[in-house]
Amino acid sequence: MKKLALLALAALLTACFSQKVLDAPIISMTLSDPPRGGKTVSNVTGKYCIGDPPSAKKGNEIGLVDEATLDAQKKHKVDYLTNAIFIKEGGMFQATCMTVTAKGLKGKGGGKKKKKKR
């Protein structure tokens, strides 16, 4: 009986969990100002997992949400994500992946390009 309880506990601790962590009405990693109009495109998704090559230059660090956002923007060629839902996936105590599902928006002269840090 003890072995069964320990096996169940071990399975629980190593199981994959997913949990919603953030709802964002609008988000962009490439533009700083909100759009003025634009065209909504179909649903977009992005994902970033620990161990994937980072988007940031060496020495700069950005978070899992930022990486997932940038992945969706690049993959679907959109300027903004609207009604974005971010879900962390992974172990019980640490997220190993972040996924985002949203509507893509191609800005219409909306925002200024973010300046790159030197």
C-alpha atoms as a PDB file:
ATOM      1  CA  MET A   1       0.000   0.000   0.000  1.00  0.00           C
ATOM      2  CA  LYS A   2       2.875   2.365   0.842  1.00  0.00           C
ATOM      3  CA  LYS A   3       4.500   1.726  -2.530  1.00  0.00           C
ATOM      4  CA  LEU A   4       1.254   2.516  -4.323  1.00  0.00           C
ATOM      5  CA  ALA A   5       0.887   5.785  -2.413  1.00  0.00           C
ATOM      6  CA  LEU A   6       4.486   6.760  -3.215  1.00  0.00           C
ATOM      7  CA  LEU A   7       4.006   5.930  -6.897  1.00  0.00           C
ATOM      8  CA  ALA A   8       0.826   8.010  -7.006  1.00  0.00           C
ATOM      9  CA  LEU A   9       2.615  10.936  -5.344  1.00  0.00           C
ATOM     10  CA  ALA A  10       5.547  10.675  -7.750  1.00  0.00           C
ATOM     11  CA  ALA A  11       3.184  10.603 -10.729  1.00  0.00           C
ATOM     12  CA  LEU A  12       1.374  13.680  -9.431  1.00  0.00           C
ATOM     13  CA  LEU A  13       4.581  15.649  -8.911  1.00  0.00           C
ATOM     14  CA  THR A  14       5.964  14.862 -12.365  1.00  0.00           C
ATOM     15  CA  ALA A  15       2.699  15.192 -14.270  1.00  0.00           C
ATOM     16  CA  CYS A  16       2.276  17.889 -16.866  1.00  0.00           C
ATOM     17  CA  PHE A  17       0.077  20.764 -15.758  1.00  0.00           C
ATOM     18  CA  SER A  18      -1.391  23.623 -17.723  1.00  0.00           C
ATOM     19  CA  GLN A  19      -2.726  26.812 -16.193  1.00  0.00           C
ATOM     20  CA  LYS A  20      -3.972  30.087 -17.615  1.00  0.00           C
ATOM     21  CA  VAL A  21      -1.743  32.888 -16.364  1.00  0.00           C
ATOM     22  CA  LEU A  22      -2.747  35.976 -18.326  1.00  0.00           C
ATOM     23  CA  ASP A  23      -5.455  37.505 -20.501  1.00  0.00           C
ATOM     24  CA  ALA A  24      -4.244  40.477 -22.549  1.00  0.00           C
ATOM     25  CA  PRO A  25      -6.633  42.653 -24.551  1.00  0.00           C
ATOM     26  CA  ILE A  26      -3.760  43.731 -26.832  1.00  0.00           C
ATOM     27  CA  ILE A  27      -0.020  43.012 -26.807  1.00  0.00           C
ATOM     28  CA  SER A  28       2.942  43.518 -29.126  1.00  0.00           C
ATOM     29  CA  MET A  29       6.658  42.881 -28.816  1.00  0.00           C
ATOM     30  CA  THR A  30       7.488  44.967 -31.893  1.00  0.00           C
ATOM     31  CA  LEU A  31       5.368  48.124 -31.591  1.00  0.00           C
ATOM     32  CA  SER A  32       5.017  50.398 -28.573  1.00  0.00           C
ATOM     33  CA  ASP A  33       1.820  52.326 -29.388  1.00  0.00           C
ATOM     34  CA  PRO A  34      -1.666  50.900 -29.848  1.00  0.00           C
ATOM     35  CA  PRO A  35      -2.890  50.572 -33.432  1.00  0.00           C
ATOM     36  CA  ARG A  36      -5.074  53.084 -35.222  1.00  0.00           C
ATOM     37  CA  GLY A  37      -7.317  50.710 -37.085  1.00  0.00           C
ATOM     38  CA  GLY A  38      -5.916  47.680 -38.785  1.00  0.00           C
ATOM     39  CA  LYS A  39      -7.019  44.362 -40.139  1.00  0.00           C
ATOM     40  CA  THR A  40      -7.855  41.443 -37.883  1.00  0.00           C
ATOM     41  CA  VAL A  41      -6.613  38.152 -39.239  1.00  0.00           C
ATOM     42  CA  SER A  42      -7.454  34.623 -38.177  1.00  0.00           C
ATOM     43  CA  ASN A  43      -6.516  32.957 -34.918  1.00  0.00           C
ATOM     44  CA  VAL A  44      -2.803  32.874 -34.200  1.00  0.00           C
ATOM     45  CA  THR A  45      -0.748  30.784 -31.810  1.00  0.00           C
ATOM     46  CA  GLY A  46       2.752  30.959 -30.436  1.00  0.00           C
ATOM     47  CA  LYS A  47       4.835  28.834 -28.123  1.00  0.00           C
ATOM     48  CA  TYR A  48       8.147  29.092 -26.336  1.00  0.00           C
ATOM     49  CA  CYS A  49       9.744  26.406 -24.183  1.00  0.00           C
ATOM     50  CA  ILE A  50      12.751  26.587 -21.901  1.00  0.00           C
ATOM     51  CA  GLY A  51      15.689  25.427 -23.993  1.00  0.00           C
ATOM     52  CA  ASP A  52      14.391  26.889 -27.269  1.00  0.00           C
ATOM     53  CA  PRO A  53      16.726  29.459 -28.847  1.00  0.00           C
ATOM     54  CA  PRO A  54      15.852  32.863 -27.338  1.00  0.00           C
ATOM     55  CA  SER A  55      14.741  35.788 -29.488  1.00  0.00           C
ATOM     56  CA  ALA A  56      16.645  38.311 -27.395  1.00  0.00           C
ATOM     57  CA  LYS A  57      20.281  39.051 -28.102  1.00  0.00           C
ATOM     58  CA  LYS A  58      22.850  37.430 -25.858  1.00  0.00           C
ATOM     59  CA  GLY A  59      23.008  39.215 -22.516  1.00  0.00           C
ATOM     60  CA  ASN A  60      19.373  40.356 -22.670  1.00  0.00           C
ATOM     61  CA  GLU A  61      16.663  38.265 -21.133  1.00  0.00           C
ATOM     62  CA  ILE A  62      12.939  38.388 -21.778  1.00  0.00           C
ATOM     63  CA  GLY A  63      10.258  36.241 -20.218  1.00  0.00           C
ATOM     64  CA  LEU A  64       8.266  33.287 -21.465  1.00  0.00           C
ATOM     65  CA  VAL A  65       5.216  35.462 -22.226  1.00  0.00           C
ATOM     66  CA  ASP A  66       7.362  37.809 -24.338  1.00  0.00           C
ATOM     67  CA  GLU A  67       8.940  34.919 -26.235  1.00  0.00           C
ATOM     68  CA  ALA A  68       5.561  33.288 -26.946  1.00  0.00           C
ATOM     69  CA  THR A  69       4.166  36.639 -28.123  1.00  0.00           C
ATOM     70  CA  LEU A  70       7.106  37.234 -30.444  1.00  0.00           C
ATOM     71  CA  ASP A  71       6.848  33.683 -31.793  1.00  0.00           C
ATOM     72  CA  ALA A  72       3.183  34.234 -32.714  1.00  0.00           C
ATOM     73  CA  GLN A  73       3.908  37.626 -34.292  1.00  0.00           C
ATOM     74  CA  LYS A  74       6.747  36.279 -36.432  1.00  0.00           C
ATOM     75  CA  LYS A  75       5.016  33.031 -37.404  1.00  0.00           C
ATOM     76  CA  HIS A  76       1.801  34.744 -38.526  1.00  0.00           C
ATOM     77  CA  LYS A  77       3.327  38.072 -39.668  1.00  0.00           C
ATOM     78  CA  VAL A  78       1.121  40.251 -37.449  1.00  0.00           C
ATOM     79  CA  ASP A  79       1.876  43.433 -35.525  1.00  0.00           C
ATOM     80  CA  TYR A  80      -0.363  42.858 -32.516  1.00  0.00           C
ATOM     81  CA  LEU A  81      -2.146  40.052 -30.692  1.00  0.00           C
ATOM     82  CA  THR A  82      -5.640  40.817 -29.419  1.00  0.00           C
ATOM     83  CA  ASN A  83      -7.680  38.905 -26.847  1.00  0.00           C
ATOM     84  CA  ALA A  84      -4.568  36.891 -26.054  1.00  0.00           C
ATOM     85  CA  ILE A  85      -4.725  33.979 -23.618  1.00  0.00           C
ATOM     86  CA  PHE A  86      -1.428  32.768 -22.166  1.00  0.00           C
ATOM     87  CA  ILE A  87      -1.162  29.268 -20.716  1.00  0.00           C
ATOM     88  CA  LYS A  88       1.846  27.876 -18.895  1.00  0.00           C
ATOM     89  CA  GLU A  89       2.595  24.210 -19.303  1.00  0.00           C
ATOM     90  CA  GLY A  90       4.980  21.983 -17.476  1.00  0.00           C
ATOM     91  CA  GLY A  91       5.687  20.612 -14.067  1.00  0.00           C
ATOM     92  CA  MET A  92       3.843  21.413 -10.898  1.00  0.00           C
ATOM     93  CA  PHE A  93       6.401  23.918  -9.620  1.00  0.00           C
ATOM     94  CA  GLN A  94       7.924  25.440 -12.756  1.00  0.00           C
ATOM     95  CA  ALA A  95       6.578  26.330 -16.175  1.00  0.00           C
ATOM     96  CA  THR A  96       8.552  24.758 -18.986  1.00  0.00           C
ATOM     97  CA  CYS A  97       6.515  26.185 -21.884  1.00  0.00           C
ATOM     98  CA  MET A  98       4.273  29.169 -22.514  1.00  0.00           C
ATOM     99  CA  THR A  99       1.620  29.109 -25.227  1.00  0.00           C
ATOM    100  CA  VAL A 100      -0.512  31.949 -26.533  1.00  0.00           C
ATOM    101  CA  THR A 101      -3.735  31.855 -28.513  1.00  0.00           C
ATOM    102  CA  ALA A 102      -5.093  35.125 -29.882  1.00  0.00           C
ATOM    103  CA  LYS A 103      -6.478  37.033 -32.832  1.00  0.00           C
ATOM    104  CA  GLY A 104      -3.774  38.576 -34.983  1.00  0.00           C
ATOM    105  CA  LEU A 105      -3.932  42.235 -35.973  1.00  0.00           C
ATOM    106  CA  LYS A 106      -1.989  43.871 -38.767  1.00  0.00           C
ATOM    107  CA  GLY A 107      -1.576  47.474 -37.636  1.00  0.00           C
ATOM    108  CA  LYS A 108      -2.505  50.320 -39.898  1.00  0.00           C
ATOM    109  CA  GLY A 109       0.137  52.950 -39.236  1.00  0.00           C
ATOM    110  CA  GLY A 110      -0.588  52.343 -35.588  1.00  0.00           C
ATOM    111  CA  GLY A 111       2.493  52.170 -33.516  1.00  0.00           C
ATOM    112  CA  LYS A 112       6.054  53.290 -33.502  1.00  0.00           C
ATOM    113  CA  LYS A 113       8.678  50.591 -33.871  1.00  0.00           C
ATOM    114  CA  LYS A 114      10.302  49.797 -30.552  1.00  0.00           C
ATOM    115  CA  LYS A 115      13.839  51.098 -30.362  1.00  0.00           C
ATOM    116  CA  LYS A 116      16.490  48.449 -29.984  1.00  0.00           C
ATOM    117  CA  LYS A 117      18.708  48.708 -26.919  1.00  0.00           C
ATOM    118  CA  ARG A 118      22.387  48.930 -27.593  1.00  0.00           C
END
